[in-house]
């Protein structure tokens, strides 16, 4: 299993599954990250957290803890 956190800068990934439950999973889905969505990793903050992503044509910053809950291929 590979998570979004493991995708290198400049890499693309496709969402396979969202882990987590309740409010956390709902918040991730509300950001537009759902199964089948393609995500491009733009950059990572100097200290490693957060990660800047391009999702569905907009830019999104996501904490590494949340990125761990997103399984990608």
C-alpha atoms as a PDB file:
ATOM      1  CA  UNK A   1       0.000   0.000   0.000  1.00  0.00           C
ATOM      2  CA  UNK A   2       1.366   3.416  -1.021  1.00  0.00           C
ATOM      3  CA  UNK A   3       0.086   6.624   0.555  1.00  0.00           C
ATOM      4  CA  UNK A   4      -0.017  10.182  -0.779  1.00  0.00           C
ATOM      5  CA  UNK A   5       2.706  11.098   1.717  1.00  0.00           C
ATOM      6  CA  UNK A   6       5.166   8.842  -0.175  1.00  0.00           C
ATOM      7  CA  UNK A   7       4.642  10.470  -3.596  1.00  0.00           C
ATOM      8  CA  UNK A   8       7.738  12.525  -4.531  1.00  0.00           C
ATOM      9  CA  UNK A   9       7.671  16.223  -5.488  1.00  0.00           C
ATOM     10  CA  UNK A  10       6.573  16.516  -9.112  1.00  0.00           C
ATOM     11  CA  UNK A  11       4.879  13.116  -8.978  1.00  0.00           C
ATOM     12  CA  UNK A  12       1.319  12.241  -9.895  1.00  0.00           C
ATOM     13  CA  UNK A  13      -0.903   9.715  -8.172  1.00  0.00           C
ATOM     14  CA  UNK A  14      -4.444   8.414  -8.474  1.00  0.00           C
ATOM     15  CA  UNK A  15      -6.547   7.964  -5.334  1.00  0.00           C
ATOM     16  CA  UNK A  16      -7.477   4.325  -4.699  1.00  0.00           C
ATOM     17  CA  UNK A  17      -9.004   4.486  -1.218  1.00  0.00           C
ATOM     18  CA  UNK A  18      -9.544   6.850   1.706  1.00  0.00           C
ATOM     19  CA  UNK A  19      -8.801   5.510   5.168  1.00  0.00           C
ATOM     20  CA  UNK A  20      -9.902   7.135   8.388  1.00  0.00           C
ATOM     21  CA  UNK A  21     -13.379   7.601   9.747  1.00  0.00           C
ATOM     22  CA  UNK A  22     -16.037  10.173  10.448  1.00  0.00           C
ATOM     23  CA  UNK A  23     -15.174  13.852  10.319  1.00  0.00           C
ATOM     24  CA  UNK A  24     -11.617  13.356   9.046  1.00  0.00           C
ATOM     25  CA  UNK A  25     -12.705  11.269   6.054  1.00  0.00           C
ATOM     26  CA  UNK A  26     -15.572  13.674   5.328  1.00  0.00           C
ATOM     27  CA  UNK A  27     -13.209  16.687   5.419  1.00  0.00           C
ATOM     28  CA  UNK A  28     -10.818  15.030   2.956  1.00  0.00           C
ATOM     29  CA  UNK A  29     -13.724  14.222   0.611  1.00  0.00           C
ATOM     30  CA  UNK A  30     -15.041  17.805   0.905  1.00  0.00           C
ATOM     31  CA  UNK A  31     -11.655  19.024  -0.372  1.00  0.00           C
ATOM     32  CA  UNK A  32     -12.283  17.125  -3.607  1.00  0.00           C
ATOM     33  CA  UNK A  33     -10.100  14.114  -2.844  1.00  0.00           C
ATOM     34  CA  UNK A  34     -12.227  11.117  -3.754  1.00  0.00           C
ATOM     35  CA  UNK A  35     -11.558   7.707  -5.314  1.00  0.00           C
ATOM     36  CA  UNK A  36     -10.249   8.047  -8.878  1.00  0.00           C
ATOM     37  CA  UNK A  37      -9.045  11.645  -8.478  1.00  0.00           C
ATOM     38  CA  UNK A  38      -5.620  12.432  -9.931  1.00  0.00           C
ATOM     39  CA  UNK A  39      -3.331  14.421  -7.645  1.00  0.00           C
ATOM     40  CA  UNK A  40      -0.105  16.237  -8.555  1.00  0.00           C
ATOM     41  CA  UNK A  41       2.389  16.944  -5.748  1.00  0.00           C
ATOM     42  CA  UNK A  42       3.694  20.485  -6.361  1.00  0.00           C
ATOM     43  CA  UNK A  43       5.984  21.026  -3.394  1.00  0.00           C
ATOM     44  CA  UNK A  44       6.631  20.322   0.259  1.00  0.00           C
ATOM     45  CA  UNK A  45       7.171  22.951   2.950  1.00  0.00           C
ATOM     46  CA  UNK A  46      10.777  23.410   4.182  1.00  0.00           C
ATOM     47  CA  UNK A  47      10.160  21.439   7.384  1.00  0.00           C
ATOM     48  CA  UNK A  48       8.186  18.794   5.492  1.00  0.00           C
ATOM     49  CA  UNK A  49       4.676  19.752   6.551  1.00  0.00           C
ATOM     50  CA  UNK A  50       2.302  20.622   4.817  1.00  0.00           C
ATOM     51  CA  UNK A  51       2.354  19.251   1.273  1.00  0.00           C
ATOM     52  CA  UNK A  52       1.081  21.455  -1.569  1.00  0.00           C
ATOM     53  CA  UNK A  53      -1.061  19.580  -4.087  1.00  0.00           C
ATOM     54  CA  UNK A  54      -2.895  20.306  -7.311  1.00  0.00           C
ATOM     55  CA  UNK A  55      -6.322  18.640  -7.183  1.00  0.00           C
ATOM     56  CA  UNK A  56      -9.094  19.131  -9.760  1.00  0.00           C
ATOM     57  CA  UNK A  57      -7.512  22.335 -11.058  1.00  0.00           C
ATOM     58  CA  UNK A  58      -6.914  24.077  -7.732  1.00  0.00           C
ATOM     59  CA  UNK A  59      -4.096  24.182  -5.200  1.00  0.00           C
ATOM     60  CA  UNK A  60      -4.491  22.571  -1.817  1.00  0.00           C
ATOM     61  CA  UNK A  61      -2.237  22.286   1.222  1.00  0.00           C
ATOM     62  CA  UNK A  62      -2.580  19.082   3.197  1.00  0.00           C
ATOM     63  CA  UNK A  63      -0.934  17.954   6.425  1.00  0.00           C
ATOM     64  CA  UNK A  64       1.218  14.831   6.266  1.00  0.00           C
ATOM     65  CA  UNK A  65      -1.017  13.144   8.851  1.00  0.00           C
ATOM     66  CA  UNK A  66      -3.977  13.554   6.474  1.00  0.00           C
ATOM     67  CA  UNK A  67      -1.880  12.468   3.463  1.00  0.00           C
ATOM     68  CA  UNK A  68      -1.173   9.187   5.303  1.00  0.00           C
ATOM     69  CA  UNK A  69      -4.903   8.387   5.136  1.00  0.00           C
ATOM     70  CA  UNK A  70      -5.010   8.568   1.322  1.00  0.00           C
ATOM     71  CA  UNK A  71      -4.034   5.365  -0.482  1.00  0.00           C
ATOM     72  CA  UNK A  72      -2.769   5.951  -4.046  1.00  0.00           C
ATOM     73  CA  UNK A  73      -1.435   4.005  -7.010  1.00  0.00           C
END
